[in-house]
PDB file of all heavy atoms in Angstrom:
ATOM      1  N   ALA A   1      -2.002 -24.967  -2.538  1.00  0.00           N
ATOM      2  CA  ALA A   1      -2.766 -23.937  -3.328  1.00  0.00           C
ATOM      3  C   ALA A   1      -1.759 -23.037  -4.055  1.00  0.00           C
ATOM      4  O   ALA A   1      -0.587 -22.779  -3.612  1.00  0.00           O
ATOM      5  CB  ALA A   1      -3.571 -23.138  -2.458  1.00  0.00           C
ATOM      6  N   ASP A   2      -2.258 -22.609  -5.274  1.00  0.00           N
ATOM      7  CA  ASP A   2      -1.462 -21.630  -6.053  1.00  0.00           C
ATOM      8  C   ASP A   2      -1.907 -20.286  -5.473  1.00  0.00           C
ATOM      9  O   ASP A   2      -3.049 -19.719  -5.769  1.00  0.00           O
ATOM     10  CB  ASP A   2      -1.859 -21.681  -7.600  1.00  0.00           C
ATOM     11  CG  ASP A   2      -1.104 -20.738  -8.300  1.00  0.00           C
ATOM     12  OD1 ASP A   2      -0.256 -20.024  -7.875  1.00  0.00           O
ATOM     13  OD2 ASP A   2      -1.443 -20.599  -9.546  1.00  0.00           O
ATOM     14  N   VAL A   3      -1.058 -19.684  -4.590  1.00  0.00           N
ATOM     15  CA  VAL A   3      -1.416 -18.489  -3.933  1.00  0.00           C
ATOM     16  C   VAL A   3      -0.721 -17.198  -4.642  1.00  0.00           C
ATOM     17  O   VAL A   3       0.474 -17.227  -4.677  1.00  0.00           O
ATOM     18  CB  VAL A   3      -1.045 -18.581  -2.442  1.00  0.00           C
ATOM     19  CG1 VAL A   3      -1.460 -17.113  -1.736  1.00  0.00           C
ATOM     20  CG2 VAL A   3      -1.951 -19.645  -1.772  1.00  0.00           C
ATOM     21  N   VAL A   4      -1.470 -16.283  -5.050  1.00  0.00           N
ATOM     22  CA  VAL A   4      -0.928 -15.073  -5.651  1.00  0.00           C
ATOM     23  C   VAL A   4      -1.272 -13.905  -4.706  1.00  0.00           C
ATOM     24  O   VAL A   4      -2.323 -13.634  -4.372  1.00  0.00           O
ATOM     25  CB  VAL A   4      -1.595 -14.690  -6.942  1.00  0.00           C
ATOM     26  CG1 VAL A   4      -1.100 -13.455  -7.595  1.00  0.00           C
ATOM     27  CG2 VAL A   4      -1.131 -15.848  -7.977  1.00  0.00           C
ATOM     28  N   ARG A   5      -0.197 -13.276  -4.309  1.00  0.00           N
ATOM     29  CA  ARG A   5      -0.328 -12.026  -3.327  1.00  0.00           C
ATOM     30  C   ARG A   5      -0.260 -10.803  -4.167  1.00  0.00           C
ATOM     31  O   ARG A   5       0.672 -10.443  -4.892  1.00  0.00           O
ATOM     32  CB  ARG A   5       0.809 -12.104  -2.367  1.00  0.00           C
ATOM     33  CG  ARG A   5       0.977 -10.901  -1.377  1.00  0.00           C
ATOM     34  CD  ARG A   5       2.166 -11.108  -0.546  1.00  0.00           C
ATOM     35  NE  ARG A   5       2.423  -9.865   0.197  1.00  0.00           N
ATOM     36  CZ  ARG A   5       1.961  -9.562   1.430  1.00  0.00           C
ATOM     37  NH1 ARG A   5       1.050 -10.450   2.055  1.00  0.00           N
ATOM     38  NH2 ARG A   5       2.229  -8.470   2.037  1.00  0.00           N
ATOM     39  N   ILE A   6      -1.365 -10.047  -4.026  1.00  0.00           N
ATOM     40  CA  ILE A   6      -1.366  -8.723  -4.729  1.00  0.00           C
ATOM     41  C   ILE A   6      -0.964  -7.634  -3.655  1.00  0.00           C
ATOM     42  O   ILE A   6      -1.574  -7.602  -2.572  1.00  0.00           O
ATOM     43  CB  ILE A   6      -2.774  -8.403  -5.191  1.00  0.00           C
ATOM     44  CG1 ILE A   6      -3.245  -9.336  -6.291  1.00  0.00           C
ATOM     45  CG2 ILE A   6      -2.881  -7.012  -5.707  1.00  0.00           C
ATOM     46  CD1 ILE A   6      -4.727  -9.200  -6.698  1.00  0.00           C
ATOM     47  N   GLU A   7       0.082  -6.940  -4.011  1.00  0.00           N
ATOM     48  CA  GLU A   7       0.635  -5.902  -3.080  1.00  0.00           C
ATOM     49  C   GLU A   7       1.105  -4.691  -3.890  1.00  0.00           C
ATOM     50  O   GLU A   7       1.178  -4.693  -5.062  1.00  0.00           O
ATOM     51  CB  GLU A   7       1.829  -6.485  -2.279  1.00  0.00           C
ATOM     52  CG  GLU A   7       2.860  -7.134  -3.061  1.00  0.00           C
ATOM     53  CD  GLU A   7       3.853  -7.963  -2.262  1.00  0.00           C
ATOM     54  OE1 GLU A   7       4.123  -7.518  -1.062  1.00  0.00           O
ATOM     55  OE2 GLU A   7       4.338  -8.897  -2.649  1.00  0.00           O
ATOM     56  N   ARG A   8       1.202  -3.676  -3.074  1.00  0.00           N
ATOM     57  CA  ARG A   8       1.641  -2.331  -3.584  1.00  0.00           C
ATOM     58  C   ARG A   8       2.974  -2.486  -4.232  1.00  0.00           C
ATOM     59  O   ARG A   8       3.848  -3.282  -3.727  1.00  0.00           O
ATOM     60  CB  ARG A   8       1.668  -1.259  -2.612  1.00  0.00           C
ATOM     61  CG  ARG A   8       0.278  -0.859  -1.935  1.00  0.00           C
ATOM     62  CD  ARG A   8       0.395   0.340  -1.109  1.00  0.00           C
ATOM     63  NE  ARG A   8       1.390   0.138   0.028  1.00  0.00           N
ATOM     64  CZ  ARG A   8       1.057  -0.420   1.190  1.00  0.00           C
ATOM     65  NH1 ARG A   8      -0.147  -0.823   1.376  1.00  0.00           N
ATOM     66  NH2 ARG A   8       2.052  -0.398   2.060  1.00  0.00           N
ATOM     67  N   PRO A   9       3.279  -1.806  -5.297  1.00  0.00           N
ATOM     68  CA  PRO A   9       4.597  -1.817  -5.988  1.00  0.00           C
ATOM     69  C   PRO A   9       5.714  -1.408  -5.023  1.00  0.00           C
ATOM     70  O   PRO A   9       6.927  -1.918  -5.073  1.00  0.00           O
ATOM     71  CB  PRO A   9       4.551  -0.879  -7.124  1.00  0.00           C
ATOM     72  CG  PRO A   9       3.134  -0.794  -7.363  1.00  0.00           C
ATOM     73  CD  PRO A   9       2.417  -1.027  -6.208  1.00  0.00           C
ATOM     74  N   ASP A  10       5.429  -0.644  -3.977  1.00  0.00           N
ATOM     75  CA  ASP A  10       6.590  -0.042  -3.037  1.00  0.00           C
ATOM     76  C   ASP A  10       6.390  -0.739  -1.765  1.00  0.00           C
ATOM     77  O   ASP A  10       6.955  -0.263  -0.702  1.00  0.00           O
ATOM     78  CB  ASP A  10       6.386   1.379  -2.906  1.00  0.00           C
ATOM     79  CG  ASP A  10       5.012   1.887  -2.467  1.00  0.00           C
ATOM     80  OD1 ASP A  10       4.167   1.009  -2.371  1.00  0.00           O
ATOM     81  OD2 ASP A  10       4.883   3.013  -2.097  1.00  0.00           O
ATOM     82  N   ASN A  11       5.723  -1.863  -1.602  1.00  0.00           N
ATOM     83  CA  ASN A  11       5.535  -2.583  -0.401  1.00  0.00           C
ATOM     84  C   ASN A  11       6.680  -3.046   0.253  1.00  0.00           C
ATOM     85  O   ASN A  11       7.552  -3.770  -0.295  1.00  0.00           O
ATOM     86  CB  ASN A  11       4.434  -3.682  -0.562  1.00  0.00           C
ATOM     87  CG  ASN A  11       4.016  -4.231   0.833  1.00  0.00           C
ATOM     88  OD1 ASN A  11       3.882  -3.459   1.750  1.00  0.00           O
ATOM     89  ND2 ASN A  11       3.832  -5.539   0.866  1.00  0.00           N
ATOM     90  N   VAL A  12       7.124  -2.683   1.474  1.00  0.00           N
ATOM     91  CA  VAL A  12       8.161  -3.076   2.224  1.00  0.00           C
ATOM     92  C   VAL A  12       7.829  -3.442   3.730  1.00  0.00           C
ATOM     93  O   VAL A  12       7.021  -2.645   4.328  1.00  0.00           O
ATOM     94  CB  VAL A  12       9.350  -1.973   2.299  1.00  0.00           C
ATOM     95  CG1 VAL A  12      10.509  -2.471   3.166  1.00  0.00           C
ATOM     96  CG2 VAL A  12       9.773  -1.658   0.865  1.00  0.00           C
ATOM     97  N   ASN A  13       8.222  -4.439   4.107  1.00  0.00           N
ATOM     98  CA  ASN A  13       7.957  -4.860   5.545  1.00  0.00           C
ATOM     99  C   ASN A  13       9.183  -4.269   6.491  1.00  0.00           C
ATOM    100  O   ASN A  13      10.292  -4.769   6.155  1.00  0.00           O
ATOM    101  CB  ASN A  13       7.970  -6.414   5.703  1.00  0.00           C
ATOM    102  CG  ASN A  13       7.442  -6.824   7.121  1.00  0.00           C
ATOM    103  OD1 ASN A  13       7.743  -6.070   8.165  1.00  0.00           O
ATOM    104  ND2 ASN A  13       6.973  -7.916   7.225  1.00  0.00           N
ATOM    105  N   PRO A  14       8.831  -3.362   7.320  1.00  0.00           N
ATOM    106  CA  PRO A  14       9.816  -2.710   8.019  1.00  0.00           C
ATOM    107  C   PRO A  14      10.554  -3.702   9.219  1.00  0.00           C
ATOM    108  O   PRO A  14      11.587  -3.234   9.754  1.00  0.00           O
ATOM    109  CB  PRO A  14       9.225  -1.558   8.748  1.00  0.00           C
ATOM    110  CG  PRO A  14       7.803  -1.842   8.849  1.00  0.00           C
ATOM    111  CD  PRO A  14       7.433  -2.821   7.733  1.00  0.00           C
ATOM    112  N   PHE A  15       9.839  -4.715   9.512  1.00  0.00           N
ATOM    113  CA  PHE A  15      10.269  -5.580  10.526  1.00  0.00           C
ATOM    114  C   PHE A  15      11.233  -6.823  10.176  1.00  0.00           C
ATOM    115  O   PHE A  15      11.928  -7.346  11.064  1.00  0.00           O
ATOM    116  CB  PHE A  15       8.945  -6.123  11.281  1.00  0.00           C
ATOM    117  CG  PHE A  15       8.138  -5.119  11.716  1.00  0.00           C
ATOM    118  CD1 PHE A  15       6.858  -4.873  11.170  1.00  0.00           C
ATOM    119  CD2 PHE A  15       8.537  -4.285  12.809  1.00  0.00           C
ATOM    120  CE1 PHE A  15       6.048  -3.927  11.616  1.00  0.00           C
ATOM    121  CE2 PHE A  15       7.598  -3.299  13.317  1.00  0.00           C
ATOM    122  CZ  PHE A  15       6.359  -3.108  12.684  1.00  0.00           C
ATOM    123  N   VAL A  16      11.178  -7.175   8.892  1.00  0.00           N
ATOM    124  CA  VAL A  16      11.985  -8.187   8.518  1.00  0.00           C
ATOM    125  C   VAL A  16      12.357  -8.151   7.017  1.00  0.00           C
ATOM    126  O   VAL A  16      11.646  -7.607   6.168  1.00  0.00           O
ATOM    127  CB  VAL A  16      11.227  -9.597   8.702  1.00  0.00           C
ATOM    128  CG1 VAL A  16       9.911  -9.628   7.850  1.00  0.00           C
ATOM    129  CG2 VAL A  16      11.940 -10.817   8.480  1.00  0.00           C
ATOM    130  N   PRO A  17      13.609  -8.419   6.683  1.00  0.00           N
ATOM    131  CA  PRO A  17      13.991  -8.513   5.373  1.00  0.00           C
ATOM    132  C   PRO A  17      13.161  -9.473   4.468  1.00  0.00           C
ATOM    133  O   PRO A  17      12.566 -10.497   4.981  1.00  0.00           O
ATOM    134  CB  PRO A  17      15.466  -9.068   5.220  1.00  0.00           C
ATOM    135  CG  PRO A  17      15.899  -8.852   6.710  1.00  0.00           C
ATOM    136  CD  PRO A  17      14.743  -9.022   7.516  1.00  0.00           C
ATOM    137  N   TRP A  18      12.914  -9.080   3.134  1.00  0.00           N
ATOM    138  CA  TRP A  18      11.973  -9.844   2.419  1.00  0.00           C
ATOM    139  C   TRP A  18      12.262 -11.285   2.310  1.00  0.00           C
ATOM    140  O   TRP A  18      11.321 -12.188   2.291  1.00  0.00           O
ATOM    141  CB  TRP A  18      11.882  -9.138   0.948  1.00  0.00           C
ATOM    142  CG  TRP A  18      13.024  -9.385   0.148  1.00  0.00           C
ATOM    143  CD1 TRP A  18      14.109  -8.467   0.032  1.00  0.00           C
ATOM    144  CD2 TRP A  18      13.458 -10.557  -0.716  1.00  0.00           C
ATOM    145  NE1 TRP A  18      15.089  -9.065  -0.751  1.00  0.00           N
ATOM    146  CE2 TRP A  18      14.607 -10.185  -1.339  1.00  0.00           C
ATOM    147  CE3 TRP A  18      12.820 -11.725  -1.053  1.00  0.00           C
ATOM    148  CZ2 TRP A  18      15.245 -11.038  -2.105  1.00  0.00           C
ATOM    149  CZ3 TRP A  18      13.487 -12.608  -1.993  1.00  0.00           C
ATOM    150  CH2 TRP A  18      14.696 -12.309  -2.421  1.00  0.00           C
ATOM    151  N   GLN A  19      13.558 -11.648   2.261  1.00  0.00           N
ATOM    152  CA  GLN A  19      13.916 -13.081   2.091  1.00  0.00           C
ATOM    153  C   GLN A  19      13.588 -13.926   3.391  1.00  0.00           C
ATOM    154  O   GLN A  19      13.675 -15.104   3.340  1.00  0.00           O
ATOM    155  CB  GLN A  19      15.420 -13.253   1.673  1.00  0.00           C
ATOM    156  CG  GLN A  19      16.359 -12.748   2.662  1.00  0.00           C
ATOM    157  CD  GLN A  19      16.745 -11.224   2.423  1.00  0.00           C
ATOM    158  OE1 GLN A  19      15.938 -10.419   1.860  1.00  0.00           O
ATOM    159  NE2 GLN A  19      17.935 -10.815   2.576  1.00  0.00           N
ATOM    160  N   ASN A  20      13.393 -13.266   4.449  1.00  0.00           N
ATOM    161  CA  ASN A  20      13.074 -13.950   5.652  1.00  0.00           C
ATOM    162  C   ASN A  20      11.619 -13.638   6.161  1.00  0.00           C
ATOM    163  O   ASN A  20      11.127 -14.124   7.185  1.00  0.00           O
ATOM    164  CB  ASN A  20      13.934 -13.434   6.776  1.00  0.00           C
ATOM    165  CG  ASN A  20      15.436 -13.632   6.617  1.00  0.00           C
ATOM    166  OD1 ASN A  20      16.302 -12.788   6.534  1.00  0.00           O
ATOM    167  ND2 ASN A  20      15.793 -14.929   6.362  1.00  0.00           N
ATOM    168  N   GLU A  21      10.841 -13.169   5.335  1.00  0.00           N
ATOM    169  CA  GLU A  21       9.350 -13.038   5.520  1.00  0.00           C
ATOM    170  C   GLU A  21       8.669 -14.440   5.278  1.00  0.00           C
ATOM    171  O   GLU A  21       7.997 -14.499   4.167  1.00  0.00           O
ATOM    172  CB  GLU A  21       8.830 -11.772   4.739  1.00  0.00           C
ATOM    173  CG  GLU A  21       7.475 -11.342   5.238  1.00  0.00           C
ATOM    174  CD  GLU A  21       7.063 -10.045   4.523  1.00  0.00           C
ATOM    175  OE1 GLU A  21       7.888  -9.495   3.735  1.00  0.00           O
ATOM    176  OE2 GLU A  21       5.848  -9.751   4.874  1.00  0.00           O
ATOM    177  N   LEU A  22       8.861 -15.343   6.108  1.00  0.00           N
ATOM    178  CA  LEU A  22       8.346 -16.604   5.857  1.00  0.00           C
ATOM    179  C   LEU A  22       6.920 -16.806   5.635  1.00  0.00           C
ATOM    180  O   LEU A  22       6.531 -17.725   5.060  1.00  0.00           O
ATOM    181  CB  LEU A  22       8.795 -17.597   7.023  1.00  0.00           C
ATOM    182  CG  LEU A  22      10.280 -17.743   7.265  1.00  0.00           C
ATOM    183  CD1 LEU A  22      10.795 -18.588   8.259  1.00  0.00           C
ATOM    184  CD2 LEU A  22      11.062 -18.167   5.948  1.00  0.00           C
ATOM    185  N   LEU A  23       6.081 -15.835   6.050  1.00  0.00           N
ATOM    186  CA  LEU A  23       4.648 -15.947   5.793  1.00  0.00           C
ATOM    187  C   LEU A  23       4.390 -15.802   4.379  1.00  0.00           C
ATOM    188  O   LEU A  23       3.238 -16.011   4.024  1.00  0.00           O
ATOM    189  CB  LEU A  23       3.990 -14.922   6.674  1.00  0.00           C
ATOM    190  CG  LEU A  23       3.879 -14.951   8.197  1.00  0.00           C
ATOM    191  CD1 LEU A  23       3.127 -13.886   8.814  1.00  0.00           C
ATOM    192  CD2 LEU A  23       3.401 -16.338   8.571  1.00  0.00           C
ATOM    193  N   ASN A  24       5.347 -15.347   3.643  1.00  0.00           N
ATOM    194  CA  ASN A  24       5.169 -15.189   2.217  1.00  0.00           C
ATOM    195  C   ASN A  24       5.728 -16.382   1.410  1.00  0.00           C
ATOM    196  O   ASN A  24       5.744 -16.376   0.121  1.00  0.00           O
ATOM    197  CB  ASN A  24       5.754 -13.927   1.642  1.00  0.00           C
ATOM    198  CG  ASN A  24       4.973 -12.711   1.905  1.00  0.00           C
ATOM    199  OD1 ASN A  24       3.757 -12.776   2.225  1.00  0.00           O
ATOM    200  ND2 ASN A  24       5.483 -11.528   1.861  1.00  0.00           N
ATOM    201  N   ARG A  25       6.148 -17.403   2.047  1.00  0.00           N
ATOM    202  CA  ARG A  25       6.740 -18.559   1.288  1.00  0.00           C
ATOM    203  C   ARG A  25       5.639 -19.208   0.546  1.00  0.00           C
ATOM    204  O   ARG A  25       4.397 -19.243   0.980  1.00  0.00           O
ATOM    205  CB  ARG A  25       7.301 -19.517   2.304  1.00  0.00           C
ATOM    206  CG  ARG A  25       6.373 -20.317   3.136  1.00  0.00           C
ATOM    207  CD  ARG A  25       7.091 -21.175   4.230  1.00  0.00           C
ATOM    208  NE  ARG A  25       6.134 -22.207   4.851  1.00  0.00           N
ATOM    209  CZ  ARG A  25       6.554 -22.935   5.933  1.00  0.00           C
ATOM    210  NH1 ARG A  25       7.793 -22.812   6.452  1.00  0.00           N
ATOM    211  NH2 ARG A  25       5.607 -23.616   6.412  1.00  0.00           N
ATOM    212  N   GLY A  26       6.012 -19.762  -0.572  1.00  0.00           N
ATOM    213  CA  GLY A  26       5.013 -20.554  -1.479  1.00  0.00           C
ATOM    214  C   GLY A  26       4.123 -19.628  -2.234  1.00  0.00           C
ATOM    215  O   GLY A  26       3.402 -20.179  -3.133  1.00  0.00           O
ATOM    216  N   LYS A  27       4.260 -18.403  -2.124  1.00  0.00           N
ATOM    217  CA  LYS A  27       3.270 -17.473  -2.817  1.00  0.00           C
ATOM    218  C   LYS A  27       4.093 -16.669  -3.988  1.00  0.00           C
ATOM    219  O   LYS A  27       5.269 -16.663  -3.960  1.00  0.00           O
ATOM    220  CB  LYS A  27       2.783 -16.371  -1.907  1.00  0.00           C
ATOM    221  CG  LYS A  27       2.083 -16.935  -0.555  1.00  0.00           C
ATOM    222  CD  LYS A  27       1.857 -15.581   0.263  1.00  0.00           C
ATOM    223  CE  LYS A  27       1.270 -16.092   1.669  1.00  0.00           C
ATOM    224  NZ  LYS A  27       1.005 -14.974   2.457  1.00  0.00           N
ATOM    225  N   ARG A  28       3.270 -16.418  -4.967  1.00  0.00           N
ATOM    226  CA  ARG A  28       3.760 -15.467  -5.999  1.00  0.00           C
ATOM    227  C   ARG A  28       3.302 -14.106  -5.773  1.00  0.00           C
ATOM    228  O   ARG A  28       2.210 -13.903  -5.213  1.00  0.00           O
ATOM    229  CB  ARG A  28       3.475 -16.036  -7.403  1.00  0.00           C
ATOM    230  CG  ARG A  28       4.087 -17.327  -7.743  1.00  0.00           C
ATOM    231  CD  ARG A  28       3.803 -17.783  -9.218  1.00  0.00           C
ATOM    232  NE  ARG A  28       2.403 -18.169  -9.517  1.00  0.00           N
ATOM    233  CZ  ARG A  28       2.033 -18.583 -10.730  1.00  0.00           C
ATOM    234  NH1 ARG A  28       2.732 -18.485 -11.696  1.00  0.00           N
ATOM    235  NH2 ARG A  28       0.686 -18.938 -10.863  1.00  0.00           N
ATOM    236  N   SER A  29       4.134 -13.082  -6.229  1.00  0.00           N
ATOM    237  CA  SER A  29       3.773 -11.766  -5.827  1.00  0.00           C
ATOM    238  C   SER A  29       3.404 -11.031  -7.095  1.00  0.00           C
ATOM    239  O   SER A  29       4.415 -10.975  -8.064  1.00  0.00           O
ATOM    240  CB  SER A  29       4.965 -11.037  -4.983  1.00  0.00           C
ATOM    241  OG  SER A  29       4.678  -9.619  -4.940  1.00  0.00           O
ATOM    242  N   VAL A  30       2.400 -10.260  -7.053  1.00  0.00           N
ATOM    243  CA  VAL A  30       1.998  -9.364  -8.184  1.00  0.00           C
ATOM    244  C   VAL A  30       1.878  -7.973  -7.691  1.00  0.00           C
ATOM    245  O   VAL A  30       1.087  -7.673  -6.642  1.00  0.00           O
ATOM    246  CB  VAL A  30       0.719  -9.797  -8.768  1.00  0.00           C
ATOM    247  CG1 VAL A  30       0.242  -8.798  -9.756  1.00  0.00           C
ATOM    248  CG2 VAL A  30       0.863 -11.140  -9.539  1.00  0.00           C
ATOM    249  N   ALA A  31       2.571  -6.978  -8.176  1.00  0.00           N
ATOM    250  CA  ALA A  31       2.498  -5.646  -7.691  1.00  0.00           C
ATOM    251  C   ALA A  31       1.495  -4.873  -8.548  1.00  0.00           C
ATOM    252  O   ALA A  31       1.587  -4.820  -9.842  1.00  0.00           O
ATOM    253  CB  ALA A  31       3.865  -4.967  -7.946  1.00  0.00           C
ATOM    254  N   LEU A  32       0.373  -4.306  -7.966  1.00  0.00           N
ATOM    255  CA  LEU A  32      -0.644  -3.667  -8.639  1.00  0.00           C
ATOM    256  C   LEU A  32      -1.054  -2.453  -7.742  1.00  0.00           C
ATOM    257  O   LEU A  32      -1.019  -2.524  -6.486  1.00  0.00           O
ATOM    258  CB  LEU A  32      -1.836  -4.551  -8.767  1.00  0.00           C
ATOM    259  CG  LEU A  32      -1.698  -5.648  -9.794  1.00  0.00           C
ATOM    260  CD1 LEU A  32      -3.086  -6.439  -9.743  1.00  0.00           C
ATOM    261  CD2 LEU A  32      -1.358  -5.230 -11.247  1.00  0.00           C
TER     262      LEU A  32
END
């Protein structure tokens, strides 16, 4: 699927660096 994740512009996961946030693999991110 072409999955687009809409998230806050300042969204940060405090538990894992973004490059290791594997639940976001395969998705594109749009900040709104």
